[in-house]
């Protein structure tokens, strides 16, 4: 999504939980035959996004605690395109 702050526009990406929970069947899933291709597409889409502000379903995804501790006037550690690109 796009957000504006201080006259600037930023691309924000909020990553959900791109993992496979116990009980999910990615191969030969009769109830959801395209599940494996949809799952793979998730990573293709995430890699294609331009991200200025990286957020996630869990703070550990984007180093929330460390970034929050560094919030100060004029500096926004949440603007972190490199953090998004480097996220594994």
N, C-alpha and C. Protein backbone atom coordinates (compact mmCIF):
# COMPACT_ATOMS: atom_id res chain seq x y z
N UNK A 1 0.84 -1.17 0.00
CA UNK A 1 0.00 0.00 0.00
C UNK A 1 0.89 1.24 0.00
N UNK A 2 0.32 2.35 -0.35
CA UNK A 2 1.04 3.62 -0.34
C UNK A 2 0.59 4.43 0.87
N UNK A 3 1.56 5.08 1.51
CA UNK A 3 1.26 5.99 2.60
C UNK A 3 2.03 7.28 2.38
N UNK A 4 1.54 8.34 2.99
CA UNK A 4 2.22 9.63 2.91
C UNK A 4 2.55 10.09 4.33
N UNK A 5 3.77 10.62 4.46
CA UNK A 5 4.19 11.17 5.74
C UNK A 5 5.14 12.32 5.44
N UNK A 6 4.88 13.46 6.03
CA UNK A 6 5.75 14.61 5.86
C UNK A 6 5.96 15.00 4.42
N UNK A 7 4.93 14.87 3.61
CA UNK A 7 5.02 15.23 2.20
C UNK A 7 5.68 14.18 1.33
N UNK A 8 6.11 13.08 1.91
CA UNK A 8 6.74 11.99 1.16
C UNK A 8 5.77 10.83 1.00
N UNK A 9 5.91 10.10 -0.07
CA UNK A 9 5.10 8.92 -0.33
C UNK A 9 5.98 7.68 -0.18
N UNK A 10 5.43 6.65 0.49
CA UNK A 10 6.19 5.43 0.74
C UNK A 10 5.36 4.21 0.34
N UNK A 11 6.04 3.20 -0.15
CA UNK A 11 5.43 1.91 -0.42
C UNK A 11 5.62 1.03 0.81
N UNK A 12 4.52 0.56 1.36
CA UNK A 12 4.54 -0.28 2.56
C UNK A 12 4.14 -1.70 2.18
N UNK A 13 4.93 -2.66 2.63
CA UNK A 13 4.61 -4.06 2.42
C UNK A 13 4.44 -4.71 3.78
N UNK A 14 3.29 -5.34 3.98
CA UNK A 14 3.02 -6.08 5.22
C UNK A 14 3.02 -7.56 4.87
N UNK A 15 4.01 -8.27 5.35
CA UNK A 15 4.15 -9.69 5.05
C UNK A 15 3.36 -10.47 6.09
N UNK A 16 2.50 -11.37 5.62
CA UNK A 16 1.72 -12.21 6.52
C UNK A 16 2.61 -13.30 7.10
N UNK A 17 2.18 -14.51 7.04
CA UNK A 17 2.98 -15.64 7.52
C UNK A 17 3.21 -16.59 6.34
N UNK A 18 4.24 -16.33 5.56
CA UNK A 18 4.48 -17.17 4.38
C UNK A 18 5.18 -18.48 4.76
N UNK A 19 4.47 -19.29 5.50
CA UNK A 19 5.02 -20.58 5.91
C UNK A 19 3.94 -21.64 5.73
N UNK A 20 4.30 -22.86 5.96
CA UNK A 20 3.34 -23.96 5.83
C UNK A 20 3.13 -24.55 7.21
N UNK A 21 1.92 -24.42 7.69
CA UNK A 21 1.57 -24.97 9.00
C UNK A 21 1.34 -26.48 8.91
N UNK A 22 1.51 -27.15 10.03
CA UNK A 22 1.24 -28.59 10.09
C UNK A 22 -0.17 -28.86 9.58
N UNK A 23 -0.31 -29.91 8.81
CA UNK A 23 -1.62 -30.30 8.30
C UNK A 23 -1.92 -29.79 6.91
N UNK A 24 -1.16 -28.80 6.43
CA UNK A 24 -1.37 -28.31 5.06
C UNK A 24 -0.68 -29.25 4.10
N UNK A 25 -1.35 -29.51 3.02
CA UNK A 25 -0.83 -30.43 2.01
C UNK A 25 -0.59 -29.63 0.73
N UNK A 26 0.68 -29.47 0.36
CA UNK A 26 1.03 -28.69 -0.83
C UNK A 26 1.03 -29.50 -2.12
N UNK A 27 1.07 -30.82 -2.01
CA UNK A 27 1.11 -31.69 -3.18
C UNK A 27 -0.09 -32.63 -3.14
N UNK A 28 -0.72 -32.78 -4.29
CA UNK A 28 -1.89 -33.66 -4.42
C UNK A 28 -3.00 -33.29 -3.44
N UNK A 29 -3.30 -32.01 -3.35
CA UNK A 29 -4.35 -31.53 -2.46
C UNK A 29 -5.65 -31.41 -3.28
N UNK A 30 -6.52 -32.37 -3.12
CA UNK A 30 -7.76 -32.41 -3.91
C UNK A 30 -8.66 -31.22 -3.59
N UNK A 31 -8.64 -30.72 -2.37
CA UNK A 31 -9.49 -29.60 -1.98
C UNK A 31 -8.96 -28.27 -2.53
N UNK A 32 -7.68 -28.20 -2.87
CA UNK A 32 -7.06 -26.96 -3.35
C UNK A 32 -5.92 -27.36 -4.29
N UNK A 33 -6.27 -27.80 -5.49
CA UNK A 33 -5.27 -28.35 -6.42
C UNK A 33 -4.12 -27.40 -6.77
N UNK A 34 -4.37 -26.11 -6.78
CA UNK A 34 -3.34 -25.14 -7.18
C UNK A 34 -2.61 -24.54 -5.97
N UNK A 35 -2.71 -25.18 -4.80
CA UNK A 35 -2.10 -24.60 -3.60
C UNK A 35 -0.60 -24.40 -3.75
N UNK A 36 0.11 -25.35 -4.33
CA UNK A 36 1.57 -25.21 -4.43
C UNK A 36 1.95 -24.07 -5.36
N UNK A 37 1.23 -23.90 -6.47
CA UNK A 37 1.56 -22.79 -7.37
C UNK A 37 1.17 -21.45 -6.76
N UNK A 38 0.08 -21.40 -6.00
CA UNK A 38 -0.29 -20.16 -5.31
C UNK A 38 0.74 -19.81 -4.24
N UNK A 39 1.23 -20.82 -3.54
CA UNK A 39 2.24 -20.61 -2.51
C UNK A 39 3.52 -20.06 -3.15
N UNK A 40 3.95 -20.65 -4.24
CA UNK A 40 5.14 -20.18 -4.95
C UNK A 40 4.93 -18.76 -5.47
N UNK A 41 3.73 -18.46 -5.94
CA UNK A 41 3.42 -17.13 -6.45
C UNK A 41 3.57 -16.07 -5.36
N UNK A 42 3.27 -16.44 -4.12
CA UNK A 42 3.43 -15.51 -2.99
C UNK A 42 4.85 -14.94 -2.97
N UNK A 43 5.84 -15.81 -3.12
CA UNK A 43 7.24 -15.36 -3.06
C UNK A 43 7.63 -14.57 -4.30
N UNK A 44 7.08 -14.94 -5.45
CA UNK A 44 7.35 -14.18 -6.67
C UNK A 44 6.81 -12.76 -6.53
N UNK A 45 5.59 -12.64 -6.01
CA UNK A 45 4.99 -11.31 -5.81
C UNK A 45 5.79 -10.52 -4.79
N UNK A 46 6.11 -11.12 -3.65
CA UNK A 46 6.86 -10.40 -2.62
C UNK A 46 8.20 -9.90 -3.15
N UNK A 47 8.88 -10.71 -3.96
CA UNK A 47 10.16 -10.30 -4.52
C UNK A 47 10.02 -9.18 -5.55
N UNK A 48 8.86 -9.06 -6.16
CA UNK A 48 8.65 -8.05 -7.20
C UNK A 48 8.25 -6.68 -6.65
N UNK A 49 7.88 -6.61 -5.39
CA UNK A 49 7.36 -5.37 -4.82
C UNK A 49 8.49 -4.40 -4.45
N UNK A 50 8.26 -3.14 -4.75
CA UNK A 50 9.16 -2.10 -4.26
C UNK A 50 8.68 -1.75 -2.86
N UNK A 51 9.58 -1.85 -1.89
CA UNK A 51 9.19 -1.64 -0.50
C UNK A 51 10.07 -0.60 0.15
N UNK A 52 9.44 0.41 0.74
CA UNK A 52 10.15 1.40 1.55
C UNK A 52 10.01 1.07 3.02
N UNK A 53 8.80 0.68 3.43
CA UNK A 53 8.50 0.37 4.83
C UNK A 53 8.06 -1.09 4.89
N UNK A 54 8.84 -1.88 5.60
CA UNK A 54 8.61 -3.32 5.71
C UNK A 54 8.00 -3.61 7.07
N UNK A 55 6.79 -4.19 7.07
CA UNK A 55 6.10 -4.60 8.28
C UNK A 55 5.71 -6.07 8.12
N UNK A 56 5.28 -6.69 9.19
CA UNK A 56 4.90 -8.09 9.08
C UNK A 56 3.95 -8.52 10.17
N UNK A 57 3.47 -9.73 10.01
CA UNK A 57 2.53 -10.30 10.97
C UNK A 57 3.18 -10.49 12.34
N UNK A 58 4.48 -10.61 12.35
CA UNK A 58 5.24 -10.77 13.59
C UNK A 58 6.38 -9.76 13.59
N UNK A 59 6.58 -9.11 14.71
CA UNK A 59 7.62 -8.09 14.81
C UNK A 59 9.01 -8.61 14.46
N UNK A 60 9.26 -9.87 14.72
CA UNK A 60 10.58 -10.43 14.43
C UNK A 60 10.87 -10.46 12.92
N UNK A 61 9.83 -10.46 12.09
CA UNK A 61 10.03 -10.46 10.64
C UNK A 61 10.83 -9.24 10.20
N UNK A 62 10.57 -8.10 10.83
CA UNK A 62 11.15 -6.85 10.36
C UNK A 62 11.92 -6.10 11.45
N UNK A 63 12.34 -6.80 12.49
CA UNK A 63 13.17 -6.24 13.56
C UNK A 63 12.46 -5.08 14.27
N UNK A 64 11.20 -5.27 14.57
CA UNK A 64 10.37 -4.22 15.16
C UNK A 64 10.95 -3.63 16.44
N UNK A 65 11.37 -4.46 17.36
CA UNK A 65 11.83 -3.94 18.65
C UNK A 65 13.05 -3.04 18.49
N UNK A 66 13.99 -3.46 17.68
CA UNK A 66 15.19 -2.65 17.46
C UNK A 66 14.84 -1.33 16.76
N UNK A 67 13.96 -1.41 15.77
CA UNK A 67 13.57 -0.20 15.05
C UNK A 67 12.81 0.76 15.95
N UNK A 68 11.89 0.23 16.74
CA UNK A 68 11.11 1.08 17.63
C UNK A 68 12.02 1.80 18.63
N UNK A 69 13.04 1.11 19.10
CA UNK A 69 13.97 1.71 20.06
C UNK A 69 14.76 2.86 19.43
N UNK A 70 14.86 2.88 18.09
CA UNK A 70 15.63 3.92 17.41
C UNK A 70 14.77 5.07 16.88
N UNK A 71 13.46 5.04 17.15
CA UNK A 71 12.60 6.11 16.67
C UNK A 71 12.98 7.41 17.37
N UNK A 72 13.25 8.43 16.57
CA UNK A 72 13.57 9.75 17.12
C UNK A 72 13.12 10.80 16.12
N UNK A 73 13.09 12.01 16.55
CA UNK A 73 12.65 13.11 15.68
C UNK A 73 13.50 13.16 14.42
N UNK A 74 12.85 13.13 13.28
CA UNK A 74 13.54 13.27 12.01
C UNK A 74 14.12 12.00 11.43
N UNK A 75 14.12 10.92 12.20
CA UNK A 75 14.67 9.66 11.70
C UNK A 75 13.62 8.58 11.87
N UNK A 76 13.32 7.89 10.78
CA UNK A 76 12.33 6.82 10.84
C UNK A 76 13.01 5.51 10.44
N UNK A 77 13.40 4.68 11.41
CA UNK A 77 14.08 3.43 11.10
C UNK A 77 13.19 2.42 10.38
N UNK A 78 11.89 2.67 10.37
CA UNK A 78 10.98 1.77 9.68
C UNK A 78 11.06 1.92 8.16
N UNK A 79 11.62 3.02 7.70
CA UNK A 79 11.88 3.17 6.27
C UNK A 79 13.15 2.37 6.01
N UNK A 80 12.98 1.18 5.46
CA UNK A 80 14.07 0.22 5.41
C UNK A 80 13.97 -0.69 4.18
N UNK A 81 14.14 -0.12 2.96
CA UNK A 81 14.05 -0.97 1.78
C UNK A 81 15.11 -2.07 1.76
N UNK A 82 16.29 -1.81 2.29
CA UNK A 82 17.34 -2.84 2.31
C UNK A 82 16.92 -3.98 3.23
N UNK A 83 16.31 -3.68 4.35
CA UNK A 83 15.84 -4.73 5.26
C UNK A 83 14.86 -5.66 4.58
N UNK A 84 13.99 -5.09 3.75
CA UNK A 84 13.04 -5.91 3.01
C UNK A 84 13.76 -6.79 1.98
N UNK A 85 14.66 -6.19 1.21
CA UNK A 85 15.38 -6.94 0.20
C UNK A 85 16.21 -8.06 0.81
N UNK A 86 16.77 -7.81 2.00
CA UNK A 86 17.64 -8.79 2.63
C UNK A 86 16.89 -9.85 3.44
N UNK A 87 15.59 -9.65 3.63
CA UNK A 87 14.79 -10.57 4.45
C UNK A 87 14.77 -11.96 3.80
N UNK A 88 14.98 -12.95 4.59
CA UNK A 88 14.96 -14.33 4.09
C UNK A 88 13.76 -15.06 4.60
